[in-house]
Structures are given as C-alpha cells and as structure tokens.
Amino acid sequence: MQGRSPRFTIWVALLIFSCITMGAAVEVKNGADDPGAASKWAVTCSIISFVLAALIVIAHLIPIASTMVVGTRLEGVLSLVLAAFWAATVAIVTNANNDLGVSDNATNQVQNGNLYYGSWAGFITSIILLVNYLRAAFGVDVVGEVRNRSARLSLWGGMLASALIVMGSSARIFNNDCPVTFESPDNVTETYCKRTKFAIANGSVSVFFTLLIVGMKFFTYSAPFVMEFATAIILLIMNAFSVAFTTSAKGPGSPIGNLYYSSWICFVISAFVAADCFNNKGGASASDEQKDDRNGGEIEVENLQEDQI
C-alpha cells in the first residue's frame, strides 16, 4: 500500500478536513434565516471536495482502481481543481462580510472554529497534495527548486503571502468600520482607525519590499546581500510595532482571525529572515578567514617536500 499509494495519507487528511468543513458549513447554512450565496458556495465546495476525496481514497484501496488513478493525469487534474475550490472556500469563509467563519464587522473574530480552521486546513492540505503529485508524477521537485534557487526564498515567499493577508484584512476593516460615526460599535474609536491605517501601511510596505526581493531572487537567482539584510531589519522593526499596535486590545487585530494570525506570522518570519542573514554574514566572514589560512599553508608543504628530497 505504501509503494502504490504515496499520497494516500494526504488524501485521507483532505477527506477529514472536507468532512469537518462540510458539516460546519451545512450547520451555518441551516441556522441562518436567509442563507446567502456565500454560505451556499461554502457548502457546495466542501461537498464537492468531500465526494472527490472519498472517491480517491476508495480508489486507493482497490488495486484495479488504484492503477487507474494513482499517479495519473486524473489525479493531477483533481488535485488542481480541489486546490482552486479550497482557495475560494477560504476566501469566502474568512470574509467577515459573509458572517460565516468570522463574525460580522463589529468584532471580526472567529465565531465558528470548525469552519474557519477546517477551511484553512483543507486549503493547506490541497496545496501539499498538488506539490506532492507534481514532484512524483513529473519529477518536479518544487520545494527543492525553491531552496536551490536562492537562500531564504521560501521565507520571503511566506512573508509575502502573510503581508498580502494583513493588507487585505486591514483594508476591509477600515472600509467597513472607519471613519468613526455615532453608529459605530463601541470598540471602534479614533485609536482603532489610526492603528488600522498603520496596519494597512505596514502590509503595503511589506508586500512591496518582499515582492521586490522575491522578484530579484527569481529572475537574478540572488539579491544583494546588503539590500536583503537592510530590508529584513526594516521589516522586522515595522512588524514589531505592527504586532504591538494591531493585536492589542484597542487594535483591529485583537479578535482572533486572519489579521491577528497574519500579523504575528509576518513578525516571526521577519525575525527568522533577519537572524538568518546575520548568521550567513558571520559564516561568510569565517569562511574567508579559513580560505586565507589555507592559502598561507602552501609554502610549508613545499618546504617539507624539499627536505624529503
């Protein structure tokens, strides 16, 4: 079973997350007085994912069906389709305006943990499944290519994705809750809106610089080390202030949700990037000293050879 079904465990995990998301989405839809298109779409996507994952899992257990599905183009197409479905599901479930996984604009916090975390887990699992299929079926080692292309590219890519979420989530909160009016919720104050603006600015700046670094690493296979190190330090400082202001009690990211998680992820990744740049700088200096020591030892070898003659 292990040799014939290299992705069996991943398909089972996707089936479980699809079941959790489907159950939570159906419960939310049935509990709503007037279910909108967003809840219907979440239910439809989760049902499609559940059915397809169940069929693939069953096919893995049947030898004849396994040869027709495992490692074929059919599995690749289904993996790609499911990744697209889950991307749409996450976007719908985590949108506060839809009042599904995240509550309405007054608090923007997670109100249905199974639906919120289940959709994110399903999306991540579908991406892992697609990458695993590409690596096995076509010999494309996506992770290896990314690591070999340039140092810290995976970290910069993760920061770019998180910064996009910070920028989008904070912009949506600002459009919905600010400026402050008499009808605004109690938690929406001038400080709240100022910190939301800071979150938008931080997300925008982070997206710009990370996109610049990622682009340079992709097209030139490297980025100037001084520029990368300086950018990492600047983003680390900015994200430190952003986490302090955004996720505090008076900030827009205080409720547990996309903005809260993405703000912390940006800060943690920026710290890792800065630390890795600092370590590589020290390692480069040490390697240069070792090279100088090895170059200075050539004369001694020649003297030993002359003595032996």
Protein backbone atom coordinates (compact mmCIF):
# COMPACT_ATOMS: atom_id res chain seq x y z
CA MET A 1 0.00 0.00 0.00
CA GLN A 2 2.84 2.41 0.80
CA GLY A 3 4.52 1.94 -2.57
CA ARG A 4 1.37 2.14 -4.67
CA SER A 5 -0.25 4.96 -2.73
CA PRO A 6 2.35 7.62 -1.87
CA ARG A 7 -0.34 10.24 -1.28
CA PHE A 8 -2.88 8.06 0.47
CA THR A 9 -2.32 9.72 3.85
CA ILE A 10 -2.72 13.20 2.33
CA TRP A 11 -5.96 12.20 0.62
CA VAL A 12 -7.29 10.83 3.91
CA ALA A 13 -6.39 14.09 5.67
CA LEU A 14 -8.16 16.06 2.96
CA LEU A 15 -11.21 13.83 3.35
CA ILE A 16 -11.30 14.51 7.09
CA PHE A 17 -10.97 18.28 6.70
CA SER A 18 -13.60 18.25 3.96
CA CYS A 19 -15.98 16.41 6.27
CA ILE A 20 -15.39 18.90 9.10
CA THR A 21 -15.83 21.90 6.84
CA MET A 22 -18.89 20.43 5.15
CA GLY A 23 -20.62 19.71 8.46
CA ALA A 24 -19.88 23.17 9.82
CA ALA A 25 -20.95 24.90 6.59
CA VAL A 26 -24.22 22.97 6.44
CA GLU A 27 -24.93 23.81 10.08
CA VAL A 28 -24.34 27.52 9.50
CA LYS A 29 -26.49 27.50 6.37
CA ASN A 30 -29.37 25.70 8.07
CA GLY A 31 -29.18 28.01 11.08
CA ALA A 32 -29.41 31.18 9.01
CA ASP A 33 -32.80 32.77 8.44
CA ASP A 34 -31.84 33.81 4.93
CA PRO A 35 -28.73 31.92 3.76
CA GLY A 36 -26.87 33.91 1.15
CA ALA A 37 -24.83 32.88 -1.86
CA ALA A 38 -21.65 32.76 0.23
CA SER A 39 -22.92 30.06 2.59
CA LYS A 40 -24.31 28.05 -0.34
CA TRP A 41 -20.97 28.28 -2.11
CA ALA A 42 -19.10 27.13 1.02
CA VAL A 43 -21.43 24.14 1.32
CA THR A 44 -21.10 23.30 -2.38
CA CYS A 45 -17.29 23.48 -2.39
CA SER A 46 -16.96 21.37 0.75
CA ILE A 47 -19.38 18.74 -0.58
CA ILE A 48 -17.52 18.52 -3.90
CA SER A 49 -14.20 18.20 -2.07
CA PHE A 50 -15.62 15.54 0.26
CA VAL A 51 -17.04 13.46 -2.61
CA LEU A 52 -13.88 13.65 -4.73
CA ALA A 53 -11.58 12.89 -1.79
CA ALA A 54 -13.78 9.95 -0.75
CA LEU A 55 -13.68 8.51 -4.27
CA ILE A 56 -9.90 8.82 -4.47
CA VAL A 57 -9.45 7.22 -1.04
CA ILE A 58 -11.68 4.32 -2.09
CA ALA A 59 -9.74 4.01 -5.35
CA HIS A 60 -6.50 3.75 -3.36
CA LEU A 61 -7.92 0.76 -1.51
CA ILE A 62 -8.90 -1.13 -4.68
CA PRO A 63 -5.90 -2.44 -6.67
CA ILE A 64 -7.55 -2.16 -10.10
CA ALA A 65 -8.89 1.34 -9.45
CA SER A 66 -5.60 2.36 -7.90
CA THR A 67 -3.71 1.71 -11.14
CA MET A 68 -6.21 3.90 -12.99
CA VAL A 69 -6.00 6.86 -10.60
CA VAL A 70 -2.77 6.95 -8.57
CA GLY A 71 -0.04 8.87 -10.38
CA THR A 72 -2.19 9.54 -13.46
CA ARG A 73 -3.27 12.79 -15.05
CA LEU A 74 -6.69 12.29 -13.50
CA GLU A 75 -5.23 12.59 -10.01
CA GLY A 76 -3.28 15.67 -11.06
CA VAL A 77 -6.36 17.38 -12.52
CA LEU A 78 -8.40 16.57 -9.43
CA SER A 79 -5.63 17.91 -7.19
CA LEU A 80 -5.53 21.16 -9.14
CA VAL A 81 -9.32 21.53 -9.11
CA LEU A 82 -9.51 20.89 -5.38
CA ALA A 83 -6.77 23.45 -4.68
CA ALA A 84 -8.80 26.04 -6.60
CA PHE A 85 -12.01 25.10 -4.76
CA TRP A 86 -10.32 25.34 -1.38
CA ALA A 87 -8.77 28.72 -2.22
CA ALA A 88 -12.26 30.03 -3.00
CA THR A 89 -13.66 28.43 0.16
CA VAL A 90 -11.06 30.07 2.40
CA ALA A 91 -11.70 33.45 0.79
CA ILE A 92 -15.44 33.12 1.41
CA VAL A 93 -15.30 31.66 4.91
CA THR A 94 -12.77 34.19 6.25
CA ASN A 95 -14.60 37.20 4.82
CA ALA A 96 -16.30 38.96 7.72
CA ASN A 97 -18.97 40.37 5.42
CA ASN A 98 -20.28 36.84 4.82
CA ASP A 99 -20.66 36.15 8.57
CA LEU A 100 -19.58 32.50 8.23
CA GLY A 101 -16.29 31.54 9.87
CA VAL A 102 -15.65 35.10 11.01
CA SER A 103 -18.26 37.27 12.71
CA ASP A 104 -19.64 40.49 11.30
CA ASN A 105 -17.75 43.76 11.07
CA ALA A 106 -18.32 44.73 14.71
CA THR A 107 -15.76 42.27 16.10
CA ASN A 108 -14.16 40.42 13.15
CA GLN A 109 -13.37 37.41 15.32
CA VAL A 110 -13.67 33.69 14.69
CA GLN A 111 -17.19 32.60 15.51
CA ASN A 112 -17.13 29.08 14.03
CA GLY A 113 -13.83 27.36 14.74
CA ASN A 114 -14.61 24.20 12.79
CA LEU A 115 -15.49 26.16 9.66
CA TYR A 116 -12.62 28.64 9.97
CA TYR A 117 -9.79 26.26 10.84
CA GLY A 118 -11.22 23.42 8.75
CA SER A 119 -11.20 25.55 5.60
CA TRP A 120 -7.62 26.70 6.20
CA ALA A 121 -6.51 23.12 6.92
CA GLY A 122 -8.22 21.89 3.75
CA PHE A 123 -6.57 24.60 1.65
CA ILE A 124 -3.08 23.87 3.01
CA THR A 125 -3.60 20.12 2.56
CA SER A 126 -4.73 20.59 -1.04
CA ILE A 127 -1.59 22.61 -1.82
CA ILE A 128 0.61 19.93 -0.23
CA LEU A 129 -1.22 17.31 -2.27
CA LEU A 130 -0.69 19.19 -5.53
CA VAL A 131 3.02 19.76 -4.84
CA ASN A 132 3.49 16.10 -3.91
CA TYR A 133 1.80 14.98 -7.13
CA LEU A 134 3.95 17.26 -9.30
CA ARG A 135 7.11 16.01 -7.65
CA ALA A 136 6.15 12.34 -8.02
CA ALA A 137 4.49 12.35 -11.43
CA PHE A 138 6.73 14.73 -13.37
CA GLY A 139 9.92 14.66 -11.36
CA VAL A 140 9.46 18.34 -10.49
CA ASP A 141 10.86 18.92 -7.01
CA VAL A 142 9.10 22.21 -6.34
CA VAL A 143 10.45 22.56 -2.81
CA GLY A 144 13.96 21.61 -3.89
CA GLU A 145 13.90 24.10 -6.77
CA VAL A 146 12.80 26.87 -4.47
CA ARG A 147 15.52 26.08 -1.93
CA ASN A 148 18.26 25.72 -4.52
CA ARG A 149 17.32 28.87 -6.41
CA SER A 150 18.37 31.19 -3.63
CA ALA A 151 18.72 31.28 0.13
CA ARG A 152 15.72 32.37 2.22
CA LEU A 153 13.40 32.45 -0.78
CA SER A 154 10.83 30.26 0.98
CA LEU A 155 10.85 32.62 3.98
CA TRP A 156 10.37 35.67 1.78
CA GLY A 157 7.56 33.90 -0.04
CA GLY A 158 5.81 33.13 3.24
CA MET A 159 6.17 36.73 4.34
CA LEU A 160 4.73 37.93 1.04
CA ALA A 161 1.64 35.74 1.46
CA SER A 162 1.16 36.86 5.07
CA ALA A 163 1.67 40.53 4.20
CA LEU A 164 -0.99 40.28 1.50
CA ILE A 165 -3.44 38.96 4.10
CA VAL A 166 -2.51 41.77 6.51
CA MET A 167 -3.03 44.40 3.82
CA GLY A 168 -6.32 42.96 2.58
CA SER A 169 -7.81 42.26 6.01
CA SER A 170 -6.91 45.66 7.46
CA ALA A 171 -8.17 47.47 4.34
CA ARG A 172 -11.50 45.64 4.57
CA ILE A 173 -11.83 46.51 8.27
CA PHE A 174 -11.04 50.16 7.57
CA ASN A 175 -13.61 50.38 4.78
CA ASN A 176 -16.29 48.77 6.94
CA ASP A 177 -15.68 50.43 10.32
CA CYS A 178 -13.93 53.74 9.70
CA PRO A 179 -14.34 56.68 9.91
CA VAL A 180 -15.91 56.73 13.36
CA THR A 181 -19.61 57.65 13.48
CA PHE A 182 -22.33 57.59 16.09
CA GLU A 183 -23.46 54.24 14.72
CA SER A 184 -20.02 52.63 15.02
CA PRO A 185 -19.54 49.79 17.54
CA ASP A 186 -18.09 50.60 20.94
CA ASN A 187 -14.68 49.16 20.06
CA VAL A 188 -14.31 51.41 17.00
CA THR A 189 -12.55 54.61 18.12
CA GLU A 190 -10.11 57.10 16.64
CA THR A 191 -7.25 54.99 18.01
CA TYR A 192 -8.76 51.91 16.41
CA CYS A 193 -8.89 53.59 12.99
CA LYS A 194 -5.37 55.03 13.30
CA ARG A 195 -3.99 51.59 14.11
CA THR A 196 -5.94 50.14 11.20
CA LYS A 197 -4.30 52.69 8.91
CA PHE A 198 -0.90 51.70 10.31
CA ALA A 199 -1.70 48.04 9.61
CA ILE A 200 -2.61 48.90 6.02
CA ALA A 201 0.61 50.88 5.59
CA ASN A 202 2.72 48.13 7.15
CA GLY A 203 1.10 45.48 4.96
CA SER A 204 1.58 47.58 1.82
CA VAL A 205 5.24 48.32 2.56
CA SER A 206 5.89 44.67 3.44
CA VAL A 207 4.26 43.50 0.22
CA PHE A 208 6.32 45.95 -1.86
CA PHE A 209 9.70 45.04 -0.37
CA THR A 210 9.10 41.29 -0.15
CA LEU A 211 7.83 41.27 -3.75
CA LEU A 212 10.99 43.14 -4.76
CA ILE A 213 13.26 40.65 -3.00
CA VAL A 214 11.36 37.61 -4.31
CA GLY A 215 11.43 39.01 -7.85
CA MET A 216 15.17 39.59 -7.70
CA LYS A 217 15.77 36.09 -6.40
CA PHE A 218 13.63 34.55 -9.12
CA PHE A 219 14.99 36.48 -12.08
CA THR A 220 18.59 37.04 -10.97
CA TYR A 221 18.92 33.96 -8.68
CA SER A 222 20.16 36.23 -5.91
CA ALA A 223 19.67 39.62 -4.31
CA PRO A 224 22.37 42.00 -3.00
CA PHE A 225 23.08 40.77 0.50
CA VAL A 226 23.34 44.27 2.00
CA MET A 227 19.97 45.20 0.49
CA GLU A 228 18.35 41.97 1.71
CA PHE A 229 19.78 42.35 5.21
CA ALA A 230 18.73 46.01 5.47
CA THR A 231 15.23 45.17 4.19
CA ALA A 232 14.90 42.35 6.73
CA ILE A 233 15.87 44.68 9.59
CA ILE A 234 13.44 47.40 8.47
CA LEU A 235 10.56 44.93 8.09
CA LEU A 236 11.38 43.37 11.47
CA ILE A 237 11.09 46.75 13.19
CA MET A 238 7.91 47.67 11.33
CA ASN A 239 6.22 44.34 12.02
CA ALA A 240 7.21 44.52 15.69
CA PHE A 241 5.35 47.82 16.02
CA SER A 242 2.51 46.46 13.88
CA VAL A 243 2.01 43.45 16.14
CA ALA A 244 2.07 45.67 19.23
CA PHE A 245 -0.45 48.16 17.85
CA THR A 246 -2.65 45.89 15.73
CA THR A 247 -3.17 42.93 18.05
CA SER A 248 -3.55 44.93 21.25
CA ALA A 249 -6.90 45.47 22.93
CA LYS A 250 -7.56 48.71 21.02
CA GLY A 251 -6.32 47.41 17.67
CA PRO A 252 -8.27 45.91 14.76
CA GLY A 253 -6.41 42.61 15.05
CA SER A 254 -7.22 41.93 18.69
CA PRO A 255 -10.00 39.42 17.85
CA ILE A 256 -8.66 36.03 16.77
CA GLY A 257 -8.84 35.99 12.99
CA ASN A 258 -6.92 36.50 9.75
CA LEU A 259 -5.40 39.84 10.75
CA TYR A 260 -4.28 38.52 14.13
CA TYR A 261 -2.58 35.42 12.73
CA SER A 262 -1.07 37.08 9.66
CA SER A 263 0.37 39.94 11.74
CA TRP A 264 2.15 37.53 14.04
CA ILE A 265 3.32 35.35 11.14
CA CYS A 266 4.83 38.40 9.41
CA PHE A 267 6.69 39.36 12.57
CA VAL A 268 8.01 35.84 13.20
CA ILE A 269 9.14 35.34 9.60
CA SER A 270 10.84 38.75 9.51
CA ALA A 271 12.73 37.78 12.66
CA PHE A 272 13.83 34.49 11.09
CA VAL A 273 14.96 36.25 7.90
CA ALA A 274 16.97 38.84 9.82
CA ALA A 275 18.56 36.16 12.02
CA ASP A 276 19.43 34.00 9.00
CA CYS A 277 21.00 36.97 7.21
CA PHE A 278 23.07 37.77 10.30
CA ASN A 279 24.23 34.16 10.64
CA ASN A 280 25.17 33.93 6.98
CA LYS A 281 27.13 37.16 7.25
CA GLY A 282 29.14 35.72 10.10
CA GLY A 283 29.59 32.43 8.26
CA ALA A 284 30.85 34.20 5.17
CA SER A 285 33.48 36.08 7.19
CA ALA A 286 34.59 32.86 8.87
CA SER A 287 34.87 31.05 5.54
CA ASP A 288 37.02 33.88 4.15
CA GLU A 289 39.40 33.56 7.09
CA GLN A 290 39.62 29.81 6.55
CA LYS A 291 40.48 30.39 2.90
CA ASP A 292 43.28 32.80 3.88
CA ASP A 293 44.67 30.25 6.33
CA ARG A 294 44.65 27.52 3.69
CA ASN A 295 46.36 29.77 1.14
CA GLY A 296 49.09 30.63 3.62
CA GLY A 297 49.99 26.97 4.18
CA GLU A 298 51.16 26.18 0.69
CA ILE A 299 54.77 27.28 1.33
CA GLU A 300 55.12 24.88 4.27
CA VAL A 301 54.13 21.92 2.09
CA GLU A 302 56.81 22.82 -0.44
CA ASN A 303 59.46 23.05 2.30
CA LEU A 304 58.54 19.58 3.57
CA GLN A 305 58.89 18.15 0.09
CA GLU A 306 62.35 19.79 -0.32
CA ASP A 307 63.50 18.36 3.00
CA GLN A 308 62.44 14.86 1.97
CA ILE A 309 64.41 15.18 -1.30
